[in-house]
């Protein structure tokens, strides 16, 4: 099926595979065979050569159980001249980004949330997903509460700072 619909005359096929660090050997072997299948390339004429399969894989390089099989998979794909591999490393957002994110979420000006946001940024290492998870846990554990009387979010910065 893939071969039939991935011809150069059609639009390219796009695959997005998340969390490759948790993929097993069989899954990586299947993905490798899909990517390396020569029929996905039209090499008849260099000017008309066009890739018909576009694969984006993402993984966390900081996982404790980062598998060697993933390194082998990446090396295998990267060693093939007809396959273009681009590595993009994403780091955490800057403190100002965390400030803006929290300011928007709490609908409060940055000047009122800056100390709180700085603590959240430090605890999340600027990872937007961890900011969201940490903020959710603060609400669930009543460290961050909404005051109906004051019509705004409230927190005790020392209690938030002490969370491990």
Protein backbone atom coordinates (compact mmCIF):
# COMPACT_ATOMS: atom_id res chain seq x y z
CA UNK A 1 0.00 0.00 0.00
CA UNK A 2 2.75 2.42 0.94
CA UNK A 3 4.58 1.73 -2.31
CA UNK A 4 1.41 2.33 -4.32
CA UNK A 5 0.62 5.72 -2.78
CA UNK A 6 4.16 7.07 -2.41
CA UNK A 7 4.99 7.57 -6.05
CA UNK A 8 6.65 10.82 -7.16
CA UNK A 9 3.50 11.85 -9.04
CA UNK A 10 1.56 11.98 -5.75
CA UNK A 11 1.97 14.22 -2.74
CA UNK A 12 4.58 13.00 -0.26
CA UNK A 13 3.53 10.84 2.66
CA UNK A 14 4.21 12.34 6.08
CA UNK A 15 4.83 10.21 9.20
CA UNK A 16 5.32 11.65 12.65
CA UNK A 17 6.61 9.18 15.24
CA UNK A 18 6.82 10.45 18.82
CA UNK A 19 8.76 9.05 21.78
CA UNK A 20 11.19 6.94 19.76
CA UNK A 21 13.19 6.37 22.95
CA UNK A 22 10.47 3.89 23.97
CA UNK A 23 10.29 2.07 20.63
CA UNK A 24 11.18 -1.60 20.60
CA UNK A 25 13.55 -3.26 18.15
CA UNK A 26 10.77 -4.53 15.86
CA UNK A 27 9.19 -1.06 15.58
CA UNK A 28 12.52 0.58 14.75
CA UNK A 29 13.26 -2.14 12.20
CA UNK A 30 9.90 -1.51 10.52
CA UNK A 31 10.46 2.25 10.50
CA UNK A 32 13.97 1.74 9.14
CA UNK A 33 12.71 -0.45 6.30
CA UNK A 34 10.05 2.15 5.42
CA UNK A 35 12.59 4.98 5.36
CA UNK A 36 15.30 3.07 3.52
CA UNK A 37 13.03 1.52 0.89
CA UNK A 38 14.57 2.68 -2.39
CA UNK A 39 11.19 2.97 -4.12
CA UNK A 40 10.47 6.16 -2.15
CA UNK A 41 13.02 8.03 -4.23
CA UNK A 42 12.80 9.07 -7.84
CA UNK A 43 16.46 9.07 -8.82
CA UNK A 44 15.90 8.97 -12.58
CA UNK A 45 16.90 12.57 -13.04
CA UNK A 46 18.77 14.63 -10.46
CA UNK A 47 16.70 17.73 -11.27
CA UNK A 48 13.45 15.84 -10.80
CA UNK A 49 14.61 13.70 -7.88
CA UNK A 50 12.09 14.01 -5.13
CA UNK A 51 11.53 12.25 -1.87
CA UNK A 52 8.05 10.80 -1.55
CA UNK A 53 8.21 9.92 2.13
CA UNK A 54 8.79 12.45 4.88
CA UNK A 55 9.40 11.07 8.38
CA UNK A 56 9.76 13.11 11.54
CA UNK A 57 10.83 11.22 14.61
CA UNK A 58 11.13 12.74 18.04
CA UNK A 59 12.79 11.40 21.15
CA UNK A 60 14.03 12.54 24.51
CA UNK A 61 17.78 12.28 24.62
CA UNK A 62 17.81 12.81 28.38
CA UNK A 63 15.84 9.69 29.28
CA UNK A 64 17.56 7.44 31.83
CA UNK A 65 16.77 4.31 29.83
CA UNK A 66 17.85 5.77 26.49
CA UNK A 67 18.24 2.63 24.38
CA UNK A 68 21.36 1.83 22.36
CA UNK A 69 19.07 0.44 19.65
CA UNK A 70 17.82 3.98 19.02
CA UNK A 71 21.41 5.19 18.52
CA UNK A 72 21.94 2.36 16.04
CA UNK A 73 18.71 3.26 14.22
CA UNK A 74 19.68 6.94 13.94
CA UNK A 75 23.20 6.06 12.76
CA UNK A 76 21.84 3.64 10.15
CA UNK A 77 19.42 6.21 8.73
CA UNK A 78 22.02 9.00 8.85
CA UNK A 79 24.61 6.91 6.95
CA UNK A 80 22.47 6.59 3.81
CA UNK A 81 23.38 9.35 1.32
CA UNK A 82 19.92 9.47 -0.27
CA UNK A 83 18.25 10.16 3.09
CA UNK A 84 18.52 13.64 4.52
CA UNK A 85 18.63 13.74 8.30
CA UNK A 86 18.30 16.97 10.24
CA UNK A 87 18.81 16.91 14.00
CA UNK A 88 17.18 19.63 16.02
CA UNK A 89 17.78 19.82 19.75
CA UNK A 90 15.15 21.64 21.72
CA UNK A 91 15.99 23.12 25.06
CA UNK A 92 13.81 24.79 27.63
CA UNK A 93 12.26 28.17 27.05
CA UNK A 94 13.82 31.27 28.56
CA UNK A 95 12.64 32.65 31.88
CA UNK A 96 10.80 35.41 30.01
CA UNK A 97 8.87 32.73 28.07
CA UNK A 98 7.85 31.01 31.29
CA UNK A 99 6.82 34.40 32.69
CA UNK A 100 4.62 35.07 29.65
CA UNK A 101 3.16 31.57 29.70
CA UNK A 102 2.16 31.82 33.37
CA UNK A 103 1.00 35.43 33.02
CA UNK A 104 -1.33 34.36 30.21
CA UNK A 105 -2.57 31.28 32.08
CA UNK A 106 -3.33 33.16 35.29
CA UNK A 107 -4.46 36.33 33.51
CA UNK A 108 -2.20 38.43 35.69
CA UNK A 109 0.45 40.96 34.70
CA UNK A 110 4.03 39.73 34.68
CA UNK A 111 4.97 42.15 37.47
CA UNK A 112 2.61 40.27 39.82
CA UNK A 113 3.73 36.75 38.91
CA UNK A 114 7.46 37.22 38.27
CA UNK A 115 8.70 35.68 41.58
CA UNK A 116 6.21 32.83 41.29
CA UNK A 117 7.11 32.29 37.65
CA UNK A 118 10.83 32.28 38.44
CA UNK A 119 10.30 29.45 40.92
CA UNK A 120 8.21 27.49 38.41
CA UNK A 121 10.85 28.06 35.74
CA UNK A 122 13.59 26.76 38.00
CA UNK A 123 11.59 23.66 38.97
CA UNK A 124 10.62 22.88 35.36
CA UNK A 125 14.00 23.75 33.76
CA UNK A 126 11.97 25.84 31.32
CA UNK A 127 10.32 22.81 29.73
CA UNK A 128 6.83 24.02 28.71
CA UNK A 129 5.30 20.58 29.30
CA UNK A 130 6.80 20.43 32.80
CA UNK A 131 5.57 23.99 33.47
CA UNK A 132 2.04 22.86 32.61
CA UNK A 133 2.29 19.66 34.67
CA UNK A 134 3.75 21.51 37.64
CA UNK A 135 1.08 24.22 37.47
CA UNK A 136 -1.64 21.56 37.31
CA UNK A 137 -0.21 19.81 40.36
CA UNK A 138 -0.09 23.14 42.22
CA UNK A 139 -3.81 23.59 41.61
CA UNK A 140 -4.64 19.98 42.50
CA UNK A 141 -2.62 20.18 45.73
CA UNK A 142 -4.07 23.61 46.61
CA UNK A 143 -0.76 25.48 46.42
CA UNK A 144 -2.32 27.62 43.69
CA UNK A 145 -5.90 28.63 44.37
CA UNK A 146 -8.41 31.00 42.88
CA UNK A 147 -9.79 33.62 45.24
CA UNK A 148 -13.38 34.47 44.39
CA UNK A 149 -13.18 37.40 46.77
CA UNK A 150 -10.15 38.93 45.05
CA UNK A 151 -11.05 37.52 41.61
CA UNK A 152 -7.50 36.30 40.99
CA UNK A 153 -5.12 33.41 41.51
CA UNK A 154 -3.23 33.26 44.83
CA UNK A 155 -0.20 31.29 46.07
CA UNK A 156 2.27 31.22 48.92
CA UNK A 157 5.66 31.58 47.25
CA UNK A 158 7.50 29.94 50.17
CA UNK A 159 5.29 26.85 50.01
CA UNK A 160 5.78 26.59 46.25
CA UNK A 161 9.52 27.04 46.64
CA UNK A 162 9.66 24.24 49.24
CA UNK A 163 8.02 21.65 46.98
CA UNK A 164 10.56 19.02 45.99
